[in-house]
Amino acid sequence: MRTEADPEYVRTLARYLEERVAALGKSGIGEPLAALTLAALDITDELFRAREEHERQDGDVQARLGALVQMLERFRS
């Protein structure tokens, strides 16, 4: 596989995926392709949830900053 990423980082990603597939195998998913597909879906779900949480937190920060700006503007008036 060709990538500009650090080889150790790529190995870490591969180990993570292998661990997730192995965990699914231990839970009774015997078909390797099914386990790989389910692991990929689970990891993708984690990514989407993390993005949603990040966006929610970013929105919270923006709302708090807006409130602080309004308070400062009232204080200066």
N, C-alpha and C. Protein backbone atom coordinates (compact mmCIF):
# COMPACT_ATOMS: atom_id res chain seq x y z
N MET A 1 0.85 -1.17 0.00
CA MET A 1 0.00 0.00 0.00
C MET A 1 0.90 1.23 0.00
N ARG A 2 0.61 2.17 -0.88
CA ARG A 2 1.40 3.40 -0.94
C ARG A 2 0.65 4.52 -0.24
N THR A 3 1.38 5.23 0.58
CA THR A 3 0.79 6.35 1.30
C THR A 3 1.91 7.27 1.76
N GLU A 4 1.54 8.50 2.02
CA GLU A 4 2.52 9.44 2.57
C GLU A 4 2.56 9.39 4.09
N ALA A 5 1.64 8.63 4.66
CA ALA A 5 1.58 8.52 6.12
C ALA A 5 2.78 7.74 6.65
N ASP A 6 3.11 8.02 7.89
CA ASP A 6 4.19 7.32 8.57
C ASP A 6 3.87 5.82 8.62
N PRO A 7 4.81 4.96 8.27
CA PRO A 7 4.56 3.51 8.28
C PRO A 7 4.06 2.99 9.63
N GLU A 8 4.59 3.52 10.71
CA GLU A 8 4.14 3.07 12.03
C GLU A 8 2.68 3.44 12.27
N TYR A 9 2.28 4.59 11.79
CA TYR A 9 0.88 5.01 11.90
C TYR A 9 -0.01 4.04 11.13
N VAL A 10 0.39 3.68 9.93
CA VAL A 10 -0.39 2.74 9.12
C VAL A 10 -0.46 1.39 9.81
N ARG A 11 0.62 0.94 10.42
CA ARG A 11 0.61 -0.32 11.17
C ARG A 11 -0.35 -0.23 12.35
N THR A 12 -0.38 0.92 13.00
CA THR A 12 -1.31 1.11 14.11
C THR A 12 -2.76 1.01 13.64
N LEU A 13 -3.05 1.62 12.51
CA LEU A 13 -4.40 1.52 11.94
C LEU A 13 -4.75 0.07 11.61
N ALA A 14 -3.81 -0.63 11.00
CA ALA A 14 -4.05 -2.03 10.63
C ALA A 14 -4.27 -2.89 11.87
N ARG A 15 -3.47 -2.67 12.93
CA ARG A 15 -3.66 -3.42 14.18
C ARG A 15 -5.03 -3.16 14.77
N TYR A 16 -5.45 -1.89 14.74
CA TYR A 16 -6.76 -1.54 15.29
C TYR A 16 -7.86 -2.29 14.54
N LEU A 17 -7.79 -2.28 13.22
CA LEU A 17 -8.79 -2.98 12.42
C LEU A 17 -8.75 -4.48 12.69
N GLU A 18 -7.55 -5.04 12.75
CA GLU A 18 -7.42 -6.47 13.04
C GLU A 18 -8.02 -6.83 14.40
N GLU A 19 -7.82 -5.97 15.39
CA GLU A 19 -8.39 -6.22 16.72
C GLU A 19 -9.91 -6.19 16.68
N ARG A 20 -10.47 -5.23 15.94
CA ARG A 20 -11.92 -5.14 15.83
C ARG A 20 -12.49 -6.36 15.12
N VAL A 21 -11.83 -6.81 14.06
CA VAL A 21 -12.27 -8.00 13.33
C VAL A 21 -12.16 -9.24 14.23
N ALA A 22 -11.07 -9.34 14.98
CA ALA A 22 -10.88 -10.48 15.89
C ALA A 22 -11.96 -10.50 16.96
N ALA A 23 -12.32 -9.34 17.50
CA ALA A 23 -13.37 -9.28 18.52
C ALA A 23 -14.69 -9.75 17.94
N LEU A 24 -14.98 -9.38 16.72
CA LEU A 24 -16.21 -9.85 16.10
C LEU A 24 -16.15 -11.36 15.86
N GLY A 25 -14.97 -11.85 15.51
CA GLY A 25 -14.80 -13.30 15.33
C GLY A 25 -15.08 -14.05 16.62
N LYS A 26 -14.61 -13.49 17.72
CA LYS A 26 -14.84 -14.13 19.03
C LYS A 26 -16.31 -14.08 19.43
N SER A 27 -17.05 -13.12 18.89
CA SER A 27 -18.46 -13.01 19.25
C SER A 27 -19.34 -13.90 18.37
N GLY A 28 -18.71 -14.64 17.46
CA GLY A 28 -19.47 -15.61 16.68
C GLY A 28 -19.55 -15.32 15.20
N ILE A 29 -18.98 -14.24 14.74
CA ILE A 29 -18.97 -13.95 13.30
C ILE A 29 -17.82 -14.75 12.70
N GLY A 30 -18.13 -15.87 12.07
CA GLY A 30 -17.09 -16.75 11.56
C GLY A 30 -16.59 -16.39 10.18
N GLU A 31 -17.41 -15.76 9.39
CA GLU A 31 -17.04 -15.40 8.02
C GLU A 31 -16.12 -14.19 8.05
N PRO A 32 -14.87 -14.30 7.59
CA PRO A 32 -13.92 -13.19 7.65
C PRO A 32 -14.40 -11.92 6.93
N LEU A 33 -15.02 -12.07 5.76
CA LEU A 33 -15.49 -10.89 5.04
C LEU A 33 -16.62 -10.20 5.79
N ALA A 34 -17.50 -10.98 6.39
CA ALA A 34 -18.59 -10.40 7.18
C ALA A 34 -18.02 -9.66 8.39
N ALA A 35 -17.03 -10.26 9.06
CA ALA A 35 -16.42 -9.62 10.22
C ALA A 35 -15.73 -8.31 9.81
N LEU A 36 -15.03 -8.34 8.68
CA LEU A 36 -14.36 -7.14 8.20
C LEU A 36 -15.37 -6.05 7.84
N THR A 37 -16.46 -6.44 7.20
CA THR A 37 -17.50 -5.48 6.83
C THR A 37 -18.15 -4.88 8.06
N LEU A 38 -18.48 -5.71 9.03
CA LEU A 38 -19.09 -5.21 10.27
C LEU A 38 -18.14 -4.31 11.04
N ALA A 39 -16.86 -4.67 11.06
CA ALA A 39 -15.87 -3.82 11.74
C ALA A 39 -15.78 -2.47 11.04
N ALA A 40 -15.77 -2.48 9.71
CA ALA A 40 -15.70 -1.22 8.96
C ALA A 40 -16.94 -0.37 9.24
N LEU A 41 -18.09 -0.98 9.28
CA LEU A 41 -19.32 -0.23 9.59
C LEU A 41 -19.28 0.33 11.00
N ASP A 42 -18.80 -0.46 11.95
CA ASP A 42 -18.73 -0.01 13.34
C ASP A 42 -17.75 1.15 13.48
N ILE A 43 -16.61 1.05 12.83
CA ILE A 43 -15.61 2.13 12.89
C ILE A 43 -16.15 3.39 12.21
N THR A 44 -16.85 3.22 11.10
CA THR A 44 -17.46 4.36 10.41
C THR A 44 -18.51 5.02 11.29
N ASP A 45 -19.30 4.21 12.01
CA ASP A 45 -20.27 4.76 12.94
C ASP A 45 -19.59 5.58 14.03
N GLU A 46 -18.49 5.07 14.56
CA GLU A 46 -17.73 5.82 15.56
C GLU A 46 -17.25 7.15 15.00
N LEU A 47 -16.76 7.14 13.77
CA LEU A 47 -16.29 8.36 13.13
C LEU A 47 -17.42 9.37 13.00
N PHE A 48 -18.57 8.93 12.51
CA PHE A 48 -19.70 9.84 12.33
C PHE A 48 -20.16 10.42 13.67
N ARG A 49 -20.22 9.57 14.69
CA ARG A 49 -20.64 10.05 16.02
C ARG A 49 -19.64 11.05 16.58
N ALA A 50 -18.36 10.78 16.38
CA ALA A 50 -17.32 11.71 16.85
C ALA A 50 -17.42 13.04 16.12
N ARG A 51 -17.69 13.00 14.82
CA ARG A 51 -17.86 14.25 14.06
C ARG A 51 -19.06 15.04 14.56
N GLU A 52 -20.18 14.32 14.80
CA GLU A 52 -21.37 15.00 15.31
C GLU A 52 -21.10 15.65 16.66
N GLU A 53 -20.39 14.94 17.52
CA GLU A 53 -20.06 15.47 18.85
C GLU A 53 -19.15 16.69 18.71
N HIS A 54 -18.19 16.61 17.81
CA HIS A 54 -17.28 17.73 17.57
C HIS A 54 -18.07 18.95 17.08
N GLU A 55 -18.97 18.73 16.14
CA GLU A 55 -19.78 19.83 15.62
C GLU A 55 -20.66 20.43 16.72
N ARG A 56 -21.22 19.56 17.58
CA ARG A 56 -22.05 20.04 18.68
C ARG A 56 -21.23 20.88 19.64
N GLN A 57 -20.03 20.38 19.98
CA GLN A 57 -19.17 21.13 20.89
C GLN A 57 -18.72 22.44 20.26
N ASP A 58 -18.42 22.42 18.98
CA ASP A 58 -18.02 23.63 18.27
C ASP A 58 -19.15 24.65 18.31
N GLY A 59 -20.38 24.17 18.10
CA GLY A 59 -21.54 25.06 18.17
C GLY A 59 -21.71 25.65 19.56
N ASP A 60 -21.47 24.82 20.60
CA ASP A 60 -21.57 25.30 21.97
C ASP A 60 -20.53 26.39 22.24
N VAL A 61 -19.32 26.18 21.77
CA VAL A 61 -18.25 27.17 21.96
C VAL A 61 -18.62 28.46 21.24
N GLN A 62 -19.10 28.35 20.02
CA GLN A 62 -19.48 29.55 19.27
C GLN A 62 -20.60 30.31 19.97
N ALA A 63 -21.56 29.59 20.52
CA ALA A 63 -22.66 30.23 21.24
C ALA A 63 -22.14 30.96 22.49
N ARG A 64 -21.24 30.31 23.22
CA ARG A 64 -20.67 30.95 24.42
C ARG A 64 -19.84 32.17 24.06
N LEU A 65 -19.07 32.07 22.98
CA LEU A 65 -18.28 33.22 22.55
C LEU A 65 -19.19 34.37 22.13
N GLY A 66 -20.27 34.05 21.44
CA GLY A 66 -21.22 35.08 21.05
C GLY A 66 -21.83 35.77 22.25
N ALA A 67 -22.17 34.99 23.26
CA ALA A 67 -22.74 35.57 24.48
C ALA A 67 -21.72 36.46 25.18
N LEU A 68 -20.47 36.04 25.22
CA LEU A 68 -19.43 36.85 25.84
C LEU A 68 -19.23 38.16 25.08
N VAL A 69 -19.23 38.10 23.77
CA VAL A 69 -19.08 39.31 22.96
C VAL A 69 -20.22 40.27 23.25
N GLN A 70 -21.43 39.76 23.33
CA GLN A 70 -22.58 40.61 23.64
C GLN A 70 -22.43 41.25 25.02
N MET A 71 -21.96 40.48 25.99
CA MET A 71 -21.76 41.03 27.33
C MET A 71 -20.73 42.13 27.31
N LEU A 72 -19.62 41.91 26.59
CA LEU A 72 -18.56 42.92 26.49
C LEU A 72 -19.08 44.18 25.81
N GLU A 73 -19.86 43.99 24.77
CA GLU A 73 -20.41 45.16 24.07
C GLU A 73 -21.35 45.95 24.97
N ARG A 74 -22.14 45.28 25.79
CA ARG A 74 -23.03 45.98 26.72
C ARG A 74 -22.22 46.70 27.80
N PHE A 75 -21.14 46.05 28.23
CA PHE A 75 -20.30 46.64 29.26
C PHE A 75 -19.62 47.92 28.75
N ARG A 76 -19.21 47.89 27.46
CA ARG A 76 -18.54 49.04 26.88
C ARG A 76 -19.51 50.18 26.59
N SER A 77 -20.78 49.91 26.49
CA SER A 77 -21.75 50.97 26.17
C SER A 77 -22.09 51.82 27.35
